[in-house]
Each structure stands twice: as structure tokens, then as C-alpha cells.
Amino acid sequence: MLGRQESRNVVIFCLAYLLSAFGYEFMVFVMTVHIYDLTGSALNVGLFTALTFLPRLFSPYYGSLSDRYPRARIFSVAAMGIALGIFLIAGSSGIAWTYTIWFFISILLMTIMNVRPAIMTEILPKDDYLHGNSVMLISLNAARLAAPMIGGMVALKWNVAPLLHLTAVVYVAAALLGLATRIAPMPQSASRLADNVFVHMRDGARYLLANRDLRYLGTVAFIWRLCLGCQLPLFVVYVNQFLGRGSDGYGIFMTMAGVGSVLGPRLAAKFDRRKLILWGLAAHYVTFACLGISRSFTVSLALVTVSFAFFYTTIVSTHSLRDQATPIDYRGRVYGCITGIPTPAALASFLVGSYLAGVVGVEKVLIGAGGLAFVSLAVLEMKQASLVPAPSVTTD
């Protein structure tokens, strides 16, 4: 049971989390629409998305930082850096300069995404991680719900610059809330005195590979990124070209994806985690593939809502399994490795998926991606079933 001070600390950090999550979703929505309007090319949107994910390759390094320096301070410094970068990109002209600034913003975004769950595990009791992940994901998905809805409406009246200025202000507020979050001092053994940062990162990779639960989660993440990582550049093309809707239609579509992502975490505590990961992902992949069949905007909205509800139901389970399987002083490094390992697959998915969308049609890519993910999941589960004993959860 949390005391008053601890509860206040949780509320402060949840607000910081919510603002940073909203800032990210809003900014990515605005920039995706902006790049597509400028170029009219799915491949250019894919390149932009690839730049967003390229810094994930260095996630083990960000994780090492969050294990060696005060995590709340890292969160705040990164949020302020993002705010500065957004102001610069709002005043930039030319696609090359925009891409360059966005790359550096993405490095800071990945730093925040790595340190946020580590902070959460520090301010909540270790037996409350399932609840904590539900709260964090509800915050994240509320942002995912609100950002495209707001972005779609205001994009009809405002140009890009005011929207980005608003996002920068949001990140400044998140930085201030991050500074107000109080967490215990890090032990000396986890401080910046590590002899070699690469040794530090290697320790995290070794721990991940030695733990069966974490290896399983890393494989699941790799499959998802390889098959469905292309969804962001594909969705804007799918709504605009295949369904014949504009930016407002894309905003509605992504809002309904957000509705599904809000509903999912509320269901996670009602089912066994291992079964939920399997059946939830299977349903997610099937409904994702069905998007390529539907030419009805209304049916597509229903499909994307159901698909993301299934997906985010499983996310709560995978994150709580990850948290319980990782000691607190290894979390930054392990989380960084889990994020970094699927990144090459995601980059390939963005570029190949965007290219194929222009060659064979976006609907065929959606069907193929969902079908391939489903088959890959079935193969993984058959392999897991052949291992005795079944994966077990370790606790710190």
C-alpha cells in the first residue's frame, strides 16, 4: 500500500509519462501527414519512419545510461532536448534539414522510452508491476487516442509550425514534472563508475540471453517488428489511397486504433499471461490482415479498433513478464537490448513494406504482413511447446 508521499510521486510521474507520450504521438502524427503531403510518396514516409527507429539500434547504450545515472534527470534532460529540437524543426525548410533534426530528436525520444519503464519499477512496489504496466499503458494509449483526434481536427486550420510549437511546450512541461519525481539514490555498484560502458551493455545482453522468458519476449518482439513494423507508413497510404479519405480520415482511423489500445490493458489482468500473449497476438495478426480486404471505411475502423485492443492486451502481459524476470539494477540494460534487437527488422519492414505498397498495392502488403506474422507466431509456439519445462518467471 502506497503512502501519501509515494502516491503523490506516482501521480507526478504518470503526468510526466502522459505528456511525453502525448507529445510523441501528436508529433509523429503531424510529421507523418506533413511528409506525405509534401512528397505524396509512401517510400518517403517509410524513410521518415525509419529515421524514427534507427536510434533504437543504440538502445543498449541508453539502457546503460539509465543504469548509471539518475533516471529522473535523464528523463528531464532528454525531454528538454526534444523541445529544443521541435522548435528548430518547426522553423526549418527543406526535407533534408527536417530529416537531420528529426534523427537527433529520435535519439532523445528513444532515451525517454527506455528510461520511463525503469522509473516506473522504482516508484511502484515490485508485486504491483501488472497494475503499474496497466496504468502506464492506459496513459500511453490515452495519448495515442487523443493525439490523432486533436491533430486531425487542428490540421485542417493550422499549418505545421504552430502544431510543433504546441508539442514543444508539452515536452517542457514533461521535463519539469520529471524533475519533480523523487526516486531513491542509485546504489554505488550501479553508478557511473562502471569501468567500460560496452562491458556494462554486454552484461545486459548476457542476462537477456540466459533467461528463457526474456529470450521468448525478444523473439516475439522481433517477429512483430519484422512483419508489422511497416504499419505506420502503410496506414497513411491505406486511408488516403485505398479508402479514399484525407488527413481527417487518417486522424479518425488512428483515433480508433487508440480506442482499441485503451480498451486492451483493462482486460489483461483477467487471463493467464502466457495464453494471452499467444491468442492475443494471433487475433491481432488476423484482424490486421483483414484490413487489406475491407474497402469500407466503417469496417476498417472496427477492424483496427479490435486489432489494437488485442495487441495492447498482450503488451501488459509481456511487459509485466519482462519486469518480473529482470533485477532492478539490470533493467535499463535489458530493456535496451529488448528494444535494440528488433530494430534492424523494423527498419527493413519500413523500407520494404513502403516500397511494395507502391508496387503491388498497400492492401496486399497488409494481408501478407499479417499472414506472415501469424505463421511465424505459430512456428515459435510449436518450438516453445517442445521445450521442457515451460518458461518460468523469475522475480527480483
Protein backbone atom coordinates (compact mmCIF):
# COMPACT_ATOMS: atom_id res chain seq x y z
CA MET A 1 0.00 0.00 0.00
CA LEU A 2 1.48 3.35 -1.01
CA GLY A 3 1.61 6.25 1.44
CA ARG A 4 0.55 9.79 0.61
CA GLN A 5 4.02 10.90 -0.49
CA GLU A 6 4.54 7.78 -2.61
CA SER A 7 1.12 8.19 -4.21
CA ARG A 8 1.89 11.83 -5.00
CA ASN A 9 5.14 10.72 -6.60
CA VAL A 10 3.32 8.17 -8.75
CA VAL A 11 0.79 10.80 -9.87
CA ILE A 12 3.57 13.25 -10.80
CA PHE A 13 5.40 10.67 -12.86
CA CYS A 14 2.18 9.46 -14.52
CA LEU A 15 1.54 13.03 -15.64
CA ALA A 16 5.10 13.29 -16.97
CA TYR A 17 4.63 9.96 -18.75
CA LEU A 18 1.29 11.04 -20.21
CA LEU A 19 2.63 14.35 -21.50
CA SER A 20 5.72 12.79 -23.05
CA ALA A 21 3.59 10.06 -24.63
CA PHE A 22 1.08 12.58 -25.99
CA GLY A 23 3.91 14.74 -27.32
CA TYR A 24 5.37 11.78 -29.18
CA GLU A 25 2.08 10.59 -30.69
CA PHE A 26 1.00 14.10 -31.65
CA MET A 27 4.37 14.95 -33.18
CA VAL A 28 4.62 11.71 -35.17
CA PHE A 29 1.05 12.16 -36.45
CA VAL A 30 1.71 15.73 -37.58
CA MET A 31 5.05 14.89 -39.17
CA THR A 32 3.69 11.80 -40.97
CA VAL A 33 0.87 13.80 -42.53
CA HIS A 34 3.30 16.64 -43.32
CA ILE A 35 5.82 14.37 -45.07
CA TYR A 36 3.08 12.63 -47.06
CA ASP A 37 1.55 15.97 -48.10
CA LEU A 38 4.96 17.25 -49.18
CA THR A 39 6.03 14.23 -51.19
CA GLY A 40 2.92 12.11 -51.87
CA SER A 41 5.19 9.08 -51.54
CA ALA A 42 4.80 6.06 -49.27
CA LEU A 43 8.55 5.46 -49.59
CA ASN A 44 9.34 8.93 -48.21
CA VAL A 45 7.01 8.28 -45.27
CA GLY A 46 8.83 4.98 -44.82
CA LEU A 47 12.20 6.77 -44.80
CA PHE A 48 10.90 9.20 -42.19
CA THR A 49 9.65 6.32 -40.04
CA ALA A 50 12.98 4.51 -40.46
CA LEU A 51 14.77 7.60 -39.16
CA THR A 52 12.48 7.47 -36.13
CA PHE A 53 13.50 3.90 -35.38
CA LEU A 54 17.17 3.96 -36.42
CA PRO A 55 18.31 5.26 -32.98
CA ARG A 56 16.77 2.13 -31.44
CA LEU A 57 19.88 0.31 -32.63
CA PHE A 58 21.70 2.05 -29.80
CA SER A 59 19.10 1.22 -27.15
CA PRO A 60 21.55 -0.91 -25.11
CA TYR A 61 23.63 2.25 -24.67
CA TYR A 62 20.62 4.27 -23.49
CA GLY A 63 19.85 1.43 -21.09
CA SER A 64 23.39 1.56 -19.75
CA LEU A 65 22.98 5.28 -19.12
CA SER A 66 19.75 4.74 -17.19
CA ASP A 67 21.50 2.15 -15.01
CA ARG A 68 24.42 4.50 -14.26
CA TYR A 69 22.85 7.96 -13.88
CA PRO A 70 19.76 9.30 -12.04
CA ARG A 71 16.85 8.19 -14.20
CA ALA A 72 14.54 11.11 -13.47
CA ARG A 73 17.30 13.52 -14.51
CA ILE A 74 17.89 11.62 -17.76
CA PHE A 75 14.16 11.84 -18.50
CA SER A 76 14.09 15.61 -17.91
CA VAL A 77 17.24 16.42 -19.90
CA ALA A 78 16.02 14.35 -22.85
CA ALA A 79 12.56 15.99 -22.75
CA MET A 80 14.11 19.48 -22.79
CA GLY A 81 16.34 18.46 -25.70
CA ILE A 82 13.31 17.25 -27.63
CA ALA A 83 11.52 20.56 -27.02
CA LEU A 84 14.51 22.45 -28.43
CA GLY A 85 14.71 20.16 -31.45
CA ILE A 86 11.00 20.60 -32.17
CA PHE A 87 11.37 24.39 -32.17
CA LEU A 88 14.21 24.02 -34.68
CA ILE A 89 12.30 21.68 -36.96
CA ALA A 90 9.25 23.99 -36.89
CA GLY A 91 11.39 26.75 -38.39
CA SER A 92 13.30 24.58 -40.85
CA SER A 93 12.81 24.46 -44.59
CA GLY A 94 13.81 21.60 -46.84
CA ILE A 95 13.28 17.89 -46.42
CA ALA A 96 16.98 17.08 -45.81
CA TRP A 97 17.25 19.51 -42.87
CA THR A 98 13.96 18.21 -41.47
CA TYR A 99 15.20 14.63 -41.61
CA THR A 100 18.52 15.58 -39.95
CA ILE A 101 16.92 17.33 -36.98
CA TRP A 102 14.34 14.56 -36.65
CA PHE A 103 17.09 11.96 -36.37
CA PHE A 104 18.58 13.71 -33.32
CA ILE A 105 15.12 14.18 -31.82
CA SER A 106 14.56 10.45 -32.27
CA ILE A 107 17.68 9.65 -30.24
CA LEU A 108 16.23 11.60 -27.32
CA LEU A 109 12.81 10.01 -27.83
CA MET A 110 14.34 6.54 -27.57
CA THR A 111 16.21 7.59 -24.43
CA ILE A 112 12.91 8.59 -22.80
CA MET A 113 11.19 5.39 -23.92
CA ASN A 114 13.95 3.34 -22.32
CA VAL A 115 14.08 5.18 -19.00
CA ARG A 116 10.31 5.51 -18.42
CA PRO A 117 9.61 1.85 -17.56
CA ALA A 118 12.72 1.71 -15.38
CA ILE A 119 11.44 4.69 -13.38
CA MET A 120 8.03 3.03 -13.07
CA THR A 121 9.56 -0.08 -11.50
CA GLU A 122 11.28 2.12 -8.90
CA ILE A 123 8.25 4.06 -7.73
CA LEU A 124 5.86 1.09 -7.52
CA PRO A 125 6.06 -1.96 -5.22
CA LYS A 126 7.54 -4.97 -7.05
CA ASP A 127 4.35 -7.00 -6.52
CA ASP A 128 2.32 -4.33 -8.33
CA TYR A 129 4.01 -4.40 -11.73
CA LEU A 130 0.94 -5.72 -13.57
CA HIS A 131 -1.10 -2.81 -12.24
CA GLY A 132 1.74 -0.41 -12.95
CA ASN A 133 2.10 -1.56 -16.55
CA SER A 134 -1.67 -1.25 -16.97
CA VAL A 135 -1.57 2.34 -15.70
CA MET A 136 1.41 3.22 -17.89
CA LEU A 137 -0.15 1.68 -20.99
CA ILE A 138 -3.50 3.33 -20.32
CA SER A 139 -1.63 6.65 -20.10
CA LEU A 140 0.25 5.86 -23.29
CA ASN A 141 -2.86 4.77 -25.13
CA ALA A 142 -4.91 7.73 -23.91
CA ALA A 143 -2.22 9.82 -25.60
CA ARG A 144 -2.43 7.63 -28.69
CA LEU A 145 -6.21 8.15 -28.67
CA ALA A 146 -6.15 11.92 -28.16
CA ALA A 147 -3.20 12.85 -30.40
CA PRO A 148 -4.58 11.89 -33.85
CA MET A 149 -8.08 13.09 -32.94
CA ILE A 150 -6.78 16.52 -31.94
CA GLY A 151 -4.19 16.53 -34.72
CA GLY A 152 -6.74 15.66 -37.40
CA MET A 153 -9.03 18.49 -36.34
CA VAL A 154 -6.45 21.24 -35.90
CA ALA A 155 -4.51 20.27 -39.03
CA LEU A 156 -7.50 21.47 -41.05
CA LYS A 157 -7.00 25.03 -39.73
CA TRP A 158 -3.33 25.34 -38.69
CA ASN A 159 -0.12 24.71 -40.54
CA VAL A 160 2.70 22.54 -39.19
CA ALA A 161 4.68 25.17 -37.26
CA PRO A 162 2.05 26.04 -34.58
CA LEU A 163 1.33 22.35 -34.03
CA LEU A 164 5.01 21.63 -33.42
CA HIS A 165 5.33 24.65 -31.10
CA LEU A 166 2.47 23.22 -29.04
CA THR A 167 4.28 19.88 -28.85
CA ALA A 168 7.47 21.59 -27.66
CA VAL A 169 5.57 23.22 -24.79
CA VAL A 170 4.18 19.80 -23.83
CA TYR A 171 7.71 18.39 -23.59
CA VAL A 172 8.88 21.31 -21.45
CA ALA A 173 6.06 20.55 -19.00
CA ALA A 174 7.00 16.84 -19.02
CA ALA A 175 10.62 17.77 -18.23
CA LEU A 176 9.57 19.85 -15.22
CA LEU A 177 7.38 17.02 -13.90
CA GLY A 178 10.26 14.60 -14.39
CA LEU A 179 12.46 16.79 -12.20
CA ALA A 180 9.74 16.74 -9.52
CA THR A 181 9.68 12.91 -9.47
CA ARG A 182 11.51 11.54 -6.43
CA ILE A 183 13.26 8.18 -6.62
CA ALA A 184 15.79 6.55 -4.31
CA PRO A 185 19.52 7.20 -4.99
CA MET A 186 21.11 4.53 -7.14
CA PRO A 187 23.50 2.12 -5.40
CA GLN A 188 27.19 2.73 -5.95
CA SER A 189 27.53 -0.54 -7.89
CA ALA A 190 25.07 0.81 -10.47
CA SER A 191 26.60 4.27 -10.67
CA ARG A 192 28.59 5.96 -13.41
CA LEU A 193 31.79 4.29 -12.13
CA ALA A 194 31.36 1.31 -14.47
CA ASP A 195 34.78 0.58 -15.95
CA ASN A 196 33.64 0.14 -19.52
CA VAL A 197 30.24 1.06 -20.94
CA PHE A 198 30.48 -1.73 -23.50
CA VAL A 199 31.09 -4.28 -20.75
CA HIS A 200 28.06 -2.83 -18.99
CA MET A 201 25.94 -3.26 -22.11
CA ARG A 202 27.28 -6.77 -22.70
CA ASP A 203 26.19 -7.78 -19.20
CA GLY A 204 22.63 -6.82 -20.08
CA ALA A 205 22.74 -8.84 -23.32
CA ARG A 206 24.14 -11.89 -21.49
CA TYR A 207 21.40 -11.71 -18.87
CA LEU A 208 18.73 -11.50 -21.56
CA LEU A 209 20.12 -14.49 -23.47
CA ALA A 210 20.43 -16.56 -20.30
CA ASN A 211 16.79 -16.05 -19.29
CA ARG A 212 14.21 -18.11 -21.19
CA ASP A 213 11.34 -15.70 -20.58
CA LEU A 214 13.35 -12.77 -21.89
CA ARG A 215 14.58 -14.72 -24.93
CA TYR A 216 10.97 -15.59 -25.72
CA LEU A 217 9.85 -11.96 -25.40
CA GLY A 218 12.75 -10.79 -27.56
CA THR A 219 11.75 -13.26 -30.28
CA VAL A 220 8.10 -12.16 -30.13
CA ALA A 221 9.20 -8.52 -30.46
CA PHE A 222 11.46 -9.37 -33.41
CA ILE A 223 8.65 -11.10 -35.29
CA TRP A 224 6.23 -8.24 -34.67
CA ARG A 225 8.73 -5.62 -35.84
CA LEU A 226 9.69 -7.60 -38.93
CA CYS A 227 6.15 -8.25 -40.10
CA LEU A 228 4.09 -5.33 -38.75
CA GLY A 229 6.70 -2.63 -38.22
CA CYS A 230 5.69 -1.16 -41.58
CA GLN A 231 2.21 -0.26 -40.35
CA LEU A 232 2.77 3.47 -39.69
CA PRO A 233 3.84 4.43 -43.24
CA LEU A 234 1.27 2.00 -44.64
CA PHE A 235 -1.68 3.31 -42.66
CA VAL A 236 -1.45 6.84 -44.06
CA VAL A 237 -1.34 5.43 -47.61
CA TYR A 238 -4.10 2.91 -46.83
CA VAL A 239 -6.51 5.60 -45.63
CA ASN A 240 -5.64 8.18 -48.28
CA GLN A 241 -5.33 5.97 -51.36
CA PHE A 242 -7.10 2.66 -50.75
CA LEU A 243 -10.02 4.02 -48.72
CA GLY A 244 -10.06 7.43 -50.45
CA ARG A 245 -10.01 9.54 -47.27
CA GLY A 246 -7.92 12.62 -46.44
CA SER A 247 -5.99 13.77 -43.36
CA ASP A 248 -9.19 13.98 -41.32
CA GLY A 249 -9.99 10.37 -42.22
CA TYR A 250 -6.49 9.32 -41.22
CA GLY A 251 -7.00 11.13 -37.91
CA ILE A 252 -10.23 9.21 -37.29
CA PHE A 253 -8.57 5.92 -38.26
CA MET A 254 -5.64 6.42 -35.85
CA THR A 255 -8.04 7.60 -33.15
CA MET A 256 -9.92 4.30 -33.37
CA ALA A 257 -6.60 2.47 -33.14
CA GLY A 258 -6.12 4.48 -29.96
CA VAL A 259 -9.55 3.41 -28.69
CA GLY A 260 -8.52 -0.20 -29.09
CA SER A 261 -5.23 0.40 -27.31
CA VAL A 262 -7.08 1.93 -24.35
CA LEU A 263 -9.51 -1.00 -24.08
CA GLY A 264 -6.81 -3.68 -24.24
CA PRO A 265 -4.91 -3.08 -20.96
CA ARG A 266 -8.16 -3.21 -18.96
CA LEU A 267 -8.63 -6.85 -19.96
CA ALA A 268 -5.09 -8.06 -19.29
CA ALA A 269 -5.49 -8.99 -15.61
CA LYS A 270 -8.36 -11.37 -16.37
CA PHE A 271 -6.34 -14.00 -18.27
CA ASP A 272 -3.23 -16.15 -17.94
CA ARG A 273 -0.27 -14.19 -19.29
CA ARG A 274 1.28 -16.90 -21.45
CA LYS A 275 -2.02 -17.85 -23.09
CA LEU A 276 -2.88 -14.19 -23.54
CA ILE A 277 0.35 -13.49 -25.40
CA LEU A 278 -0.34 -16.35 -27.81
CA TRP A 279 -4.04 -15.87 -28.51
CA GLY A 280 -3.97 -12.09 -28.28
CA LEU A 281 -1.18 -11.79 -30.85
CA ALA A 282 -2.83 -14.38 -33.12
CA ALA A 283 -6.08 -12.37 -33.14
CA HIS A 284 -4.11 -9.14 -33.66
CA TYR A 285 -2.38 -10.55 -36.74
CA VAL A 286 -5.57 -11.94 -38.28
CA THR A 287 -7.53 -8.70 -37.88
CA PHE A 288 -4.55 -6.71 -39.19
CA ALA A 289 -4.52 -8.84 -42.36
CA CYS A 290 -8.28 -8.34 -42.76
CA LEU A 291 -7.69 -4.59 -43.20
CA GLY A 292 -6.39 -5.37 -46.67
CA ILE A 293 -9.69 -7.00 -47.60
CA SER A 294 -12.06 -4.25 -46.46
CA ARG A 295 -12.89 -1.30 -48.70
CA SER A 296 -15.42 0.06 -46.23
CA PHE A 297 -14.12 2.85 -44.02
CA THR A 298 -16.54 1.87 -41.26
CA VAL A 299 -15.46 -1.79 -41.32
CA SER A 300 -11.81 -0.76 -41.36
CA LEU A 301 -12.37 1.39 -38.28
CA ALA A 302 -13.90 -1.59 -36.49
CA LEU A 303 -11.05 -3.87 -37.55
CA VAL A 304 -8.28 -1.53 -36.44
CA THR A 305 -10.04 -0.99 -33.09
CA VAL A 306 -10.30 -4.74 -32.43
CA SER A 307 -6.77 -5.39 -33.69
CA PHE A 308 -5.17 -2.86 -31.37
CA ALA A 309 -7.34 -3.97 -28.43
CA PHE A 310 -5.93 -7.49 -28.80
CA PHE A 311 -2.41 -6.20 -29.25
CA TYR A 312 -2.37 -3.97 -26.17
CA THR A 313 -3.97 -6.65 -24.06
CA THR A 314 -0.86 -8.73 -24.74
CA ILE A 315 1.52 -5.80 -24.17
CA VAL A 316 0.57 -5.57 -20.48
CA SER A 317 1.39 -9.26 -20.08
CA THR A 318 4.70 -9.09 -21.94
CA HIS A 319 5.84 -6.02 -20.00
CA SER A 320 4.94 -7.43 -16.60
CA LEU A 321 6.69 -10.69 -17.52
CA ARG A 322 9.74 -8.68 -18.58
CA ASP A 323 9.75 -6.67 -15.33
CA GLN A 324 9.49 -9.72 -13.10
CA ALA A 325 12.25 -11.54 -14.98
CA THR A 326 14.77 -8.68 -14.64
CA PRO A 327 16.55 -7.43 -11.47
CA ILE A 328 16.16 -3.69 -10.91
CA ASP A 329 19.86 -2.88 -11.43
CA TYR A 330 19.81 -4.62 -14.84
CA ARG A 331 16.57 -3.17 -16.16
CA GLY A 332 17.99 -0.32 -18.18
CA ARG A 333 20.44 -2.58 -20.00
CA VAL A 334 17.99 -5.45 -20.52
CA TYR A 335 15.20 -3.15 -21.71
CA GLY A 336 17.66 -1.52 -24.07
CA CYS A 337 18.64 -4.89 -25.54
CA ILE A 338 15.00 -5.94 -25.97
CA THR A 339 14.37 -2.67 -27.81
CA GLY A 340 17.56 -2.80 -29.87
CA ILE A 341 17.39 -6.41 -31.08
CA PRO A 342 14.23 -5.99 -33.23
CA THR A 343 15.32 -2.62 -34.67
CA PRO A 344 17.03 -3.93 -37.84
CA ALA A 345 13.86 -5.93 -38.54
CA ALA A 346 11.75 -2.79 -38.08
CA LEU A 347 13.96 -0.75 -40.42
CA ALA A 348 13.72 -3.45 -43.09
CA SER A 349 9.95 -3.61 -42.59
CA PHE A 350 9.54 0.16 -43.06
CA LEU A 351 11.55 0.31 -46.25
CA VAL A 352 10.43 -2.97 -47.88
CA GLY A 353 6.78 -2.50 -46.89
CA SER A 354 6.70 1.08 -48.18
CA TYR A 355 8.35 0.06 -51.44
CA LEU A 356 5.99 -2.87 -52.00
CA ALA A 357 2.96 -0.68 -51.24
CA GLY A 358 3.84 1.37 -54.31
CA VAL A 359 4.45 -1.71 -56.46
CA VAL A 360 1.77 -4.27 -55.58
CA GLY A 361 -0.66 -2.12 -53.56
CA VAL A 362 -0.95 -1.30 -49.89
CA GLU A 363 -3.82 -3.75 -49.33
CA LYS A 364 -1.73 -6.72 -50.49
CA VAL A 365 1.11 -5.71 -48.17
CA LEU A 366 -1.27 -5.58 -45.20
CA ILE A 367 -2.62 -9.05 -45.97
CA GLY A 368 0.84 -10.50 -46.50
CA ALA A 369 2.32 -8.89 -43.37
CA GLY A 370 -0.48 -10.10 -41.10
CA GLY A 371 -0.40 -13.60 -42.59
CA LEU A 372 3.38 -13.92 -42.28
CA ALA A 373 3.25 -12.75 -38.66
CA PHE A 374 0.58 -15.33 -37.84
CA VAL A 375 2.58 -18.19 -39.37
CA SER A 376 5.78 -17.07 -37.61
CA LEU A 377 3.96 -16.97 -34.26
CA ALA A 378 2.64 -20.50 -34.81
CA VAL A 379 6.16 -21.78 -35.55
CA LEU A 380 7.54 -20.06 -32.44
CA GLU A 381 4.85 -21.54 -30.22
CA MET A 382 5.44 -25.05 -31.57
CA LYS A 383 9.12 -24.66 -30.77
CA GLN A 384 8.31 -23.38 -27.27
CA ALA A 385 5.95 -26.28 -26.66
CA SER A 386 8.77 -28.71 -27.44
CA LEU A 387 10.91 -27.25 -24.64
CA VAL A 388 10.59 -28.89 -21.21
CA PRO A 389 9.98 -27.43 -18.71
CA ALA A 390 7.90 -24.46 -19.86
CA PRO A 391 9.41 -20.97 -19.40
CA SER A 392 9.32 -19.85 -15.78
CA VAL A 393 9.19 -16.37 -14.34
CA THR A 394 11.96 -15.22 -12.02
CA THR A 395 11.48 -12.41 -9.55
CA ASP A 396 13.87 -9.90 -8.12
